[in-house]
């Protein structure tokens, strides 16, 4: 199996990523040499941004500013955090943003981790449970094609909360797309309006990377083919497929 550094480089090159792939590792014990996060963040999703530059470990207390994230990651909750969760759901219900009947549909991790380790995939200290990619629509096109070929279907396009993409991919072992949520978009600078999140289950990372590399190359070639075909048809021509292929090959 290629190293995580090699897989990260392959994903970066194939998709032309602007942010490094982020490894999310769900663990019961702290890996040797892992440093606990120092500081405070408004929500656990902010760790995804911080993880682009360094590796660190978090426990339930590091996620305590966002009870929704603690809930989706099935982390132990203090009485204060449990009260925050109830208050947040109450506000969401009053806005009909998350109705009472919607709560059960929000993915929650099927197991209870003691630690969540974040960092660049290239230096993952453990086999990642989930790998997160910050992607544009054109990059998502290639990822969705890979999902269709590997998993026999397209991933769900999820909305709020953005953090639910981690339990969705971890629990099902299948890829997922998240369009984010207003909270994540407020807390993460890298989650700009044109960017979404794609989750690859760690167990299928090598297979996905191989398919993504091949599909990105195919998309590049086919895009050039379509550009040449458009040019010739708009100029009044009526080229066959073979003629368009020959024109592409002649263009180099």
C-alpha atoms as a PDB file:
ATOM      1  CA  UNK A   1       0.000   0.000   0.000  1.00  0.00           C
ATOM      2  CA  UNK A   2       1.286   3.509  -0.774  1.00  0.00           C
ATOM      3  CA  UNK A   3       2.167   5.676   2.201  1.00  0.00           C
ATOM      4  CA  UNK A   4      -0.277   8.299   3.417  1.00  0.00           C
ATOM      5  CA  UNK A   5       2.149  10.919   2.126  1.00  0.00           C
ATOM      6  CA  UNK A   6       2.006   9.364  -1.343  1.00  0.00           C
ATOM      7  CA  UNK A   7      -1.791   9.114  -1.272  1.00  0.00           C
ATOM      8  CA  UNK A   8      -2.090  12.740  -0.151  1.00  0.00           C
ATOM      9  CA  UNK A   9       0.221  13.859  -2.963  1.00  0.00           C
ATOM     10  CA  UNK A  10      -1.740  11.847  -5.524  1.00  0.00           C
ATOM     11  CA  UNK A  11      -5.044  13.377  -4.395  1.00  0.00           C
ATOM     12  CA  UNK A  12      -3.532  16.870  -4.394  1.00  0.00           C
ATOM     13  CA  UNK A  13      -2.120  16.486  -7.910  1.00  0.00           C
ATOM     14  CA  UNK A  14      -5.143  14.777  -9.456  1.00  0.00           C
ATOM     15  CA  UNK A  15      -7.698  17.208  -8.069  1.00  0.00           C
ATOM     16  CA  UNK A  16      -5.503  20.323  -7.904  1.00  0.00           C
ATOM     17  CA  UNK A  17      -6.531  20.820  -4.292  1.00  0.00           C
ATOM     18  CA  UNK A  18      -5.955  24.173  -2.602  1.00  0.00           C
ATOM     19  CA  UNK A  19      -6.200  22.623   0.888  1.00  0.00           C
ATOM     20  CA  UNK A  20      -4.418  19.425   1.951  1.00  0.00           C
ATOM     21  CA  UNK A  21      -6.518  16.308   2.559  1.00  0.00           C
ATOM     22  CA  UNK A  22      -7.362  16.074   6.260  1.00  0.00           C
ATOM     23  CA  UNK A  23      -7.210  12.793   8.172  1.00  0.00           C
ATOM     24  CA  UNK A  24      -9.757  12.231  10.939  1.00  0.00           C
ATOM     25  CA  UNK A  25      -8.776   9.397  13.290  1.00  0.00           C
ATOM     26  CA  UNK A  26     -11.195   8.148  15.948  1.00  0.00           C
ATOM     27  CA  UNK A  27      -9.283   6.523  18.798  1.00  0.00           C
ATOM     28  CA  UNK A  28      -9.727   5.106  22.263  1.00  0.00           C
ATOM     29  CA  UNK A  29      -6.153   5.896  23.271  1.00  0.00           C
ATOM     30  CA  UNK A  30      -3.850   8.812  22.593  1.00  0.00           C
ATOM     31  CA  UNK A  31      -1.230   7.858  19.975  1.00  0.00           C
ATOM     32  CA  UNK A  32       2.408   8.008  21.091  1.00  0.00           C
ATOM     33  CA  UNK A  33       3.784  11.496  20.629  1.00  0.00           C
ATOM     34  CA  UNK A  34       0.387  13.046  19.887  1.00  0.00           C
ATOM     35  CA  UNK A  35      -0.120  16.510  21.324  1.00  0.00           C
ATOM     36  CA  UNK A  36      -3.445  17.616  22.723  1.00  0.00           C
ATOM     37  CA  UNK A  37      -4.895  20.723  21.131  1.00  0.00           C
ATOM     38  CA  UNK A  38      -4.060  23.911  23.010  1.00  0.00           C
ATOM     39  CA  UNK A  39      -6.631  26.667  22.858  1.00  0.00           C
ATOM     40  CA  UNK A  40     -10.337  27.007  22.228  1.00  0.00           C
ATOM     41  CA  UNK A  41     -12.433  26.872  19.085  1.00  0.00           C
ATOM     42  CA  UNK A  42     -16.103  27.819  18.601  1.00  0.00           C
ATOM     43  CA  UNK A  43     -16.940  24.457  17.015  1.00  0.00           C
ATOM     44  CA  UNK A  44     -15.305  21.138  16.277  1.00  0.00           C
ATOM     45  CA  UNK A  45     -15.507  21.735  12.528  1.00  0.00           C
ATOM     46  CA  UNK A  46     -12.881  24.443  12.990  1.00  0.00           C
ATOM     47  CA  UNK A  47     -10.395  21.661  13.716  1.00  0.00           C
ATOM     48  CA  UNK A  48     -10.618  20.681  10.032  1.00  0.00           C
ATOM     49  CA  UNK A  49      -9.072  24.013   9.079  1.00  0.00           C
ATOM     50  CA  UNK A  50      -6.408  23.860  11.769  1.00  0.00           C
ATOM     51  CA  UNK A  51      -5.541  20.309  10.662  1.00  0.00           C
ATOM     52  CA  UNK A  52      -4.329  21.526   7.294  1.00  0.00           C
ATOM     53  CA  UNK A  53      -1.109  22.674   8.928  1.00  0.00           C
ATOM     54  CA  UNK A  54      -0.437  20.293  11.833  1.00  0.00           C
ATOM     55  CA  UNK A  55      -1.514  17.142  13.643  1.00  0.00           C
ATOM     56  CA  UNK A  56      -3.151  17.255  17.075  1.00  0.00           C
ATOM     57  CA  UNK A  57      -5.504  15.283  19.277  1.00  0.00           C
ATOM     58  CA  UNK A  58      -8.767  16.392  20.847  1.00  0.00           C
ATOM     59  CA  UNK A  59     -11.025  14.961  23.534  1.00  0.00           C
ATOM     60  CA  UNK A  60     -14.599  15.774  24.437  1.00  0.00           C
ATOM     61  CA  UNK A  61     -13.650  18.916  26.327  1.00  0.00           C
ATOM     62  CA  UNK A  62     -12.066  20.451  23.225  1.00  0.00           C
ATOM     63  CA  UNK A  63     -15.419  20.138  21.430  1.00  0.00           C
ATOM     64  CA  UNK A  64     -17.456  21.551  24.298  1.00  0.00           C
ATOM     65  CA  UNK A  65     -18.188  24.903  22.629  1.00  0.00           C
ATOM     66  CA  UNK A  66     -20.364  23.087  20.085  1.00  0.00           C
ATOM     67  CA  UNK A  67     -22.833  20.639  21.576  1.00  0.00           C
ATOM     68  CA  UNK A  68     -24.061  19.668  18.099  1.00  0.00           C
ATOM     69  CA  UNK A  69     -20.568  18.479  17.172  1.00  0.00           C
ATOM     70  CA  UNK A  70     -20.245  16.581  20.436  1.00  0.00           C
ATOM     71  CA  UNK A  71     -23.559  14.903  19.656  1.00  0.00           C
ATOM     72  CA  UNK A  72     -22.668  13.867  16.081  1.00  0.00           C
ATOM     73  CA  UNK A  73     -19.281  12.536  17.235  1.00  0.00           C
ATOM     74  CA  UNK A  74     -20.867  10.684  20.179  1.00  0.00           C
ATOM     75  CA  UNK A  75     -18.472  12.332  22.632  1.00  0.00           C
ATOM     76  CA  UNK A  76     -19.051  12.390  26.380  1.00  0.00           C
ATOM     77  CA  UNK A  77     -21.028  15.478  27.328  1.00  0.00           C
ATOM     78  CA  UNK A  78     -20.931  17.471  30.559  1.00  0.00           C
ATOM     79  CA  UNK A  79     -24.243  18.624  32.062  1.00  0.00           C
ATOM     80  CA  UNK A  80     -23.530  22.104  30.692  1.00  0.00           C
ATOM     81  CA  UNK A  81     -22.918  20.746  27.191  1.00  0.00           C
ATOM     82  CA  UNK A  82     -26.093  18.635  27.386  1.00  0.00           C
ATOM     83  CA  UNK A  83     -28.016  21.766  28.358  1.00  0.00           C
ATOM     84  CA  UNK A  84     -26.451  23.607  25.399  1.00  0.00           C
ATOM     85  CA  UNK A  85     -27.566  20.823  23.077  1.00  0.00           C
ATOM     86  CA  UNK A  86     -31.144  21.097  24.320  1.00  0.00           C
ATOM     87  CA  UNK A  87     -31.073  24.885  24.002  1.00  0.00           C
ATOM     88  CA  UNK A  88     -29.637  24.723  20.479  1.00  0.00           C
ATOM     89  CA  UNK A  89     -32.223  22.197  19.349  1.00  0.00           C
ATOM     90  CA  UNK A  90     -34.911  24.381  20.901  1.00  0.00           C
ATOM     91  CA  UNK A  91     -33.781  27.370  18.846  1.00  0.00           C
ATOM     92  CA  UNK A  92     -33.522  25.254  15.707  1.00  0.00           C
ATOM     93  CA  UNK A  93     -37.043  23.927  16.285  1.00  0.00           C
ATOM     94  CA  UNK A  94     -38.444  27.435  16.764  1.00  0.00           C
ATOM     95  CA  UNK A  95     -36.998  28.366  13.362  1.00  0.00           C
ATOM     96  CA  UNK A  96     -38.180  25.041  11.869  1.00  0.00           C
ATOM     97  CA  UNK A  97     -34.512  24.596  10.920  1.00  0.00           C
ATOM     98  CA  UNK A  98     -34.257  21.241  12.680  1.00  0.00           C
ATOM     99  CA  UNK A  99     -37.682  19.965  13.624  1.00  0.00           C
ATOM    100  CA  UNK A 100     -38.192  17.355  16.310  1.00  0.00           C
ATOM    101  CA  UNK A 101     -38.729  14.683  13.677  1.00  0.00           C
ATOM    102  CA  UNK A 102     -35.454  15.660  11.942  1.00  0.00           C
ATOM    103  CA  UNK A 103     -33.186  14.964  14.912  1.00  0.00           C
ATOM    104  CA  UNK A 104     -33.198  11.181  14.519  1.00  0.00           C
ATOM    105  CA  UNK A 105     -32.021  11.539  10.911  1.00  0.00           C
ATOM    106  CA  UNK A 106     -28.804  13.330  11.895  1.00  0.00           C
ATOM    107  CA  UNK A 107     -25.906  10.836  11.727  1.00  0.00           C
ATOM    108  CA  UNK A 108     -24.179  10.067  15.036  1.00  0.00           C
ATOM    109  CA  UNK A 109     -21.030   7.960  15.370  1.00  0.00           C
ATOM    110  CA  UNK A 110     -21.937   4.353  16.108  1.00  0.00           C
ATOM    111  CA  UNK A 111     -19.123   4.078  18.664  1.00  0.00           C
ATOM    112  CA  UNK A 112     -17.870   6.427  21.363  1.00  0.00           C
ATOM    113  CA  UNK A 113     -14.298   7.619  20.768  1.00  0.00           C
ATOM    114  CA  UNK A 114     -12.178   9.024  23.562  1.00  0.00           C
ATOM    115  CA  UNK A 115     -10.044  11.041  21.174  1.00  0.00           C
ATOM    116  CA  UNK A 116     -10.424  12.561  17.729  1.00  0.00           C
ATOM    117  CA  UNK A 117      -7.077  13.152  16.031  1.00  0.00           C
ATOM    118  CA  UNK A 118      -6.854  15.629  13.174  1.00  0.00           C
ATOM    119  CA  UNK A 119      -4.014  16.445  10.814  1.00  0.00           C
ATOM    120  CA  UNK A 120      -2.779  16.445   7.235  1.00  0.00           C
ATOM    121  CA  UNK A 121      -3.286  13.047   5.635  1.00  0.00           C
ATOM    122  CA  UNK A 122       0.384  13.064   4.671  1.00  0.00           C
ATOM    123  CA  UNK A 123       1.388  12.695   8.328  1.00  0.00           C
ATOM    124  CA  UNK A 124      -1.541  10.704   9.764  1.00  0.00           C
ATOM    125  CA  UNK A 125      -0.366   8.978  12.985  1.00  0.00           C
ATOM    126  CA  UNK A 126      -3.062   6.292  12.683  1.00  0.00           C
ATOM    127  CA  UNK A 127      -5.063   4.784   9.834  1.00  0.00           C
ATOM    128  CA  UNK A 128      -7.673   7.479   9.217  1.00  0.00           C
ATOM    129  CA  UNK A 129     -11.322   6.639   9.699  1.00  0.00           C
ATOM    130  CA  UNK A 130     -12.324   9.447   7.369  1.00  0.00           C
ATOM    131  CA  UNK A 131     -10.434  11.701   4.966  1.00  0.00           C
ATOM    132  CA  UNK A 132     -11.927  15.125   4.297  1.00  0.00           C
ATOM    133  CA  UNK A 133     -11.392  17.124   1.124  1.00  0.00           C
ATOM    134  CA  UNK A 134     -12.307  20.773   0.560  1.00  0.00           C
ATOM    135  CA  UNK A 135     -13.516  20.813  -3.030  1.00  0.00           C
ATOM    136  CA  UNK A 136     -15.125  22.903  -5.759  1.00  0.00           C
ATOM    137  CA  UNK A 137     -17.905  21.651  -8.027  1.00  0.00           C
ATOM    138  CA  UNK A 138     -15.509  20.581 -10.805  1.00  0.00           C
ATOM    139  CA  UNK A 139     -13.460  18.554  -8.308  1.00  0.00           C
ATOM    140  CA  UNK A 140     -16.640  17.052  -6.878  1.00  0.00           C
ATOM    141  CA  UNK A 141     -17.492  15.846 -10.373  1.00  0.00           C
ATOM    142  CA  UNK A 142     -14.426  13.582 -10.398  1.00  0.00           C
ATOM    143  CA  UNK A 143     -15.047  12.426  -6.826  1.00  0.00           C
ATOM    144  CA  UNK A 144     -18.659  11.528  -7.568  1.00  0.00           C
ATOM    145  CA  UNK A 145     -17.556   9.516 -10.600  1.00  0.00           C
ATOM    146  CA  UNK A 146     -15.104   7.631  -8.380  1.00  0.00           C
ATOM    147  CA  UNK A 147     -17.839   6.987  -5.810  1.00  0.00           C
ATOM    148  CA  UNK A 148     -20.146   5.659  -8.505  1.00  0.00           C
ATOM    149  CA  UNK A 149     -17.517   3.245  -9.807  1.00  0.00           C
ATOM    150  CA  UNK A 150     -16.273   2.027  -6.428  1.00  0.00           C
ATOM    151  CA  UNK A 151     -19.502   1.998  -4.450  1.00  0.00           C
ATOM    152  CA  UNK A 152     -22.068   1.427  -7.181  1.00  0.00           C
ATOM    153  CA  UNK A 153     -23.960   4.609  -6.416  1.00  0.00           C
ATOM    154  CA  UNK A 154     -23.672   8.303  -5.755  1.00  0.00           C
ATOM    155  CA  UNK A 155     -22.960   9.751  -2.288  1.00  0.00           C
ATOM    156  CA  UNK A 156     -25.614  11.626  -0.331  1.00  0.00           C
ATOM    157  CA  UNK A 157     -25.505  15.420  -0.611  1.00  0.00           C
ATOM    158  CA  UNK A 158     -25.832  16.396   3.040  1.00  0.00           C
ATOM    159  CA  UNK A 159     -26.724  19.694   4.637  1.00  0.00           C
ATOM    160  CA  UNK A 160     -26.734  20.693   8.279  1.00  0.00           C
ATOM    161  CA  UNK A 161     -24.861  19.970  10.399  1.00  0.00           C
ATOM    162  CA  UNK A 162     -21.614  19.830   8.417  1.00  0.00           C
ATOM    163  CA  UNK A 163     -19.946  17.758  11.164  1.00  0.00           C
ATOM    164  CA  UNK A 164     -22.374  14.915  10.444  1.00  0.00           C
ATOM    165  CA  UNK A 165     -20.309  14.034   7.380  1.00  0.00           C
ATOM    166  CA  UNK A 166     -17.778  12.303   9.663  1.00  0.00           C
ATOM    167  CA  UNK A 167     -20.234   9.824  11.264  1.00  0.00           C
ATOM    168  CA  UNK A 168     -21.980   9.385   7.915  1.00  0.00           C
ATOM    169  CA  UNK A 169     -18.795   8.174   6.218  1.00  0.00           C
ATOM    170  CA  UNK A 170     -17.503   6.299   9.266  1.00  0.00           C
ATOM    171  CA  UNK A 171     -20.737   4.445  10.019  1.00  0.00           C
ATOM    172  CA  UNK A 172     -21.549   3.462   6.438  1.00  0.00           C
ATOM    173  CA  UNK A 173     -18.051   2.959   5.057  1.00  0.00           C
ATOM    174  CA  UNK A 174     -19.186   4.966   2.037  1.00  0.00           C
ATOM    175  CA  UNK A 175     -18.283   8.385   0.687  1.00  0.00           C
ATOM    176  CA  UNK A 176     -20.367  11.463   1.411  1.00  0.00           C
ATOM    177  CA  UNK A 177     -20.722  15.034   0.193  1.00  0.00           C
ATOM    178  CA  UNK A 178     -21.550  17.861   2.578  1.00  0.00           C
ATOM    179  CA  UNK A 179     -22.744  21.232   1.365  1.00  0.00           C
ATOM    180  CA  UNK A 180     -21.809  22.551   4.788  1.00  0.00           C
ATOM    181  CA  UNK A 181     -24.022  24.474   7.153  1.00  0.00           C
ATOM    182  CA  UNK A 182     -24.278  28.112   8.130  1.00  0.00           C
ATOM    183  CA  UNK A 183     -22.315  27.456  11.313  1.00  0.00           C
ATOM    184  CA  UNK A 184     -19.389  25.757   9.572  1.00  0.00           C
ATOM    185  CA  UNK A 185     -19.336  28.490   6.942  1.00  0.00           C
ATOM    186  CA  UNK A 186     -19.149  31.097   9.703  1.00  0.00           C
ATOM    187  CA  UNK A 187     -16.360  29.285  11.565  1.00  0.00           C
ATOM    188  CA  UNK A 188     -14.142  28.115   8.693  1.00  0.00           C
ATOM    189  CA  UNK A 189     -12.387  30.581   6.401  1.00  0.00           C
ATOM    190  CA  UNK A 190     -11.540  27.766   3.982  1.00  0.00           C
ATOM    191  CA  UNK A 191     -15.216  26.846   3.553  1.00  0.00           C
ATOM    192  CA  UNK A 192     -15.906  29.695   1.149  1.00  0.00           C
ATOM    193  CA  UNK A 193     -19.167  29.895  -0.858  1.00  0.00           C
ATOM    194  CA  UNK A 194     -17.821  27.877  -3.782  1.00  0.00           C
ATOM    195  CA  UNK A 195     -16.381  25.097  -1.595  1.00  0.00           C
ATOM    196  CA  UNK A 196     -18.000  21.934  -0.234  1.00  0.00           C
ATOM    197  CA  UNK A 197     -16.723  18.937   1.740  1.00  0.00           C
ATOM    198  CA  UNK A 198     -16.159  15.416   0.480  1.00  0.00           C
ATOM    199  CA  UNK A 199     -15.526  12.523   2.841  1.00  0.00           C
ATOM    200  CA  UNK A 200     -13.727   9.350   1.807  1.00  0.00           C
ATOM    201  CA  UNK A 201     -13.907   6.379   4.204  1.00  0.00           C
ATOM    202  CA  UNK A 202     -10.395   5.527   5.319  1.00  0.00           C
ATOM    203  CA  UNK A 203     -10.734   1.835   4.493  1.00  0.00           C
ATOM    204  CA  UNK A 204     -11.272   2.699   0.817  1.00  0.00           C
ATOM    205  CA  UNK A 205      -8.736   5.496   0.546  1.00  0.00           C
ATOM    206  CA  UNK A 206      -6.284   3.636  -1.694  1.00  0.00           C
ATOM    207  CA  UNK A 207      -9.045   2.477  -4.066  1.00  0.00           C
ATOM    208  CA  UNK A 208     -10.510   5.966  -4.247  1.00  0.00           C
ATOM    209  CA  UNK A 209      -7.123   7.560  -4.889  1.00  0.00           C
ATOM    210  CA  UNK A 210      -6.464   5.209  -7.782  1.00  0.00           C
ATOM    211  CA  UNK A 211      -9.837   5.878  -9.385  1.00  0.00           C
ATOM    212  CA  UNK A 212      -9.588   9.639  -8.785  1.00  0.00           C
ATOM    213  CA  UNK A 213      -6.192   9.756 -10.502  1.00  0.00           C
ATOM    214  CA  UNK A 214      -7.477   7.859 -13.548  1.00  0.00           C
ATOM    215  CA  UNK A 215     -10.721   9.839 -13.762  1.00  0.00           C
ATOM    216  CA  UNK A 216      -8.983  13.201 -13.397  1.00  0.00           C
ATOM    217  CA  UNK A 217      -6.726  12.299 -16.312  1.00  0.00           C
ATOM    218  CA  UNK A 218      -9.711  11.176 -18.383  1.00  0.00           C
ATOM    219  CA  UNK A 219     -11.621  14.366 -17.597  1.00  0.00           C
ATOM    220  CA  UNK A 220      -8.646  16.472 -18.666  1.00  0.00           C
ATOM    221  CA  UNK A 221      -8.392  14.696 -22.023  1.00  0.00           C
ATOM    222  CA  UNK A 222     -12.143  14.735 -22.636  1.00  0.00           C
ATOM    223  CA  UNK A 223     -12.408  18.411 -21.729  1.00  0.00           C
ATOM    224  CA  UNK A 224      -9.844  19.217 -24.416  1.00  0.00           C
ATOM    225  CA  UNK A 225     -11.789  17.030 -26.871  1.00  0.00           C
ATOM    226  CA  UNK A 226     -15.039  18.876 -26.167  1.00  0.00           C
ATOM    227  CA  UNK A 227     -13.342  22.277 -26.412  1.00  0.00           C
ATOM    228  CA  UNK A 228     -11.960  21.452 -29.862  1.00  0.00           C
ATOM    229  CA  UNK A 229     -15.299  20.000 -30.976  1.00  0.00           C
ATOM    230  CA  UNK A 230     -17.162  23.107 -29.810  1.00  0.00           C
ATOM    231  CA  UNK A 231     -14.698  25.361 -31.637  1.00  0.00           C
ATOM    232  CA  UNK A 232     -15.036  23.484 -34.904  1.00  0.00           C
ATOM    233  CA  UNK A 233     -18.847  23.204 -34.800  1.00  0.00           C
ATOM    234  CA  UNK A 234     -19.302  26.872 -33.856  1.00  0.00           C
ATOM    235  CA  UNK A 235     -17.071  27.733 -36.828  1.00  0.00           C
ATOM    236  CA  UNK A 236     -19.577  25.977 -39.103  1.00  0.00           C
ATOM    237  CA  UNK A 237     -18.036  22.537 -39.293  1.00  0.00           C
ATOM    238  CA  UNK A 238     -19.691  19.161 -38.817  1.00  0.00           C
ATOM    239  CA  UNK A 239     -16.867  16.919 -37.591  1.00  0.00           C
ATOM    240  CA  UNK A 240     -17.382  13.271 -36.777  1.00  0.00           C
ATOM    241  CA  UNK A 241     -16.091  11.893 -33.498  1.00  0.00           C
ATOM    242  CA  UNK A 242     -13.075  10.455 -35.339  1.00  0.00           C
ATOM    243  CA  UNK A 243     -12.342  13.821 -36.917  1.00  0.00           C
ATOM    244  CA  UNK A 244     -12.551  15.580 -33.544  1.00  0.00           C
ATOM    245  CA  UNK A 245     -10.231  12.979 -32.029  1.00  0.00           C
ATOM    246  CA  UNK A 246      -7.771  13.505 -34.877  1.00  0.00           C
ATOM    247  CA  UNK A 247      -7.922  17.272 -34.370  1.00  0.00           C
ATOM    248  CA  UNK A 248      -7.216  16.829 -30.671  1.00  0.00           C
ATOM    249  CA  UNK A 249      -4.244  14.579 -31.377  1.00  0.00           C
ATOM    250  CA  UNK A 250      -2.902  17.034 -33.937  1.00  0.00           C
ATOM    251  CA  UNK A 251      -3.191  19.867 -31.402  1.00  0.00           C
ATOM    252  CA  UNK A 252      -0.997  17.865 -29.021  1.00  0.00           C
END
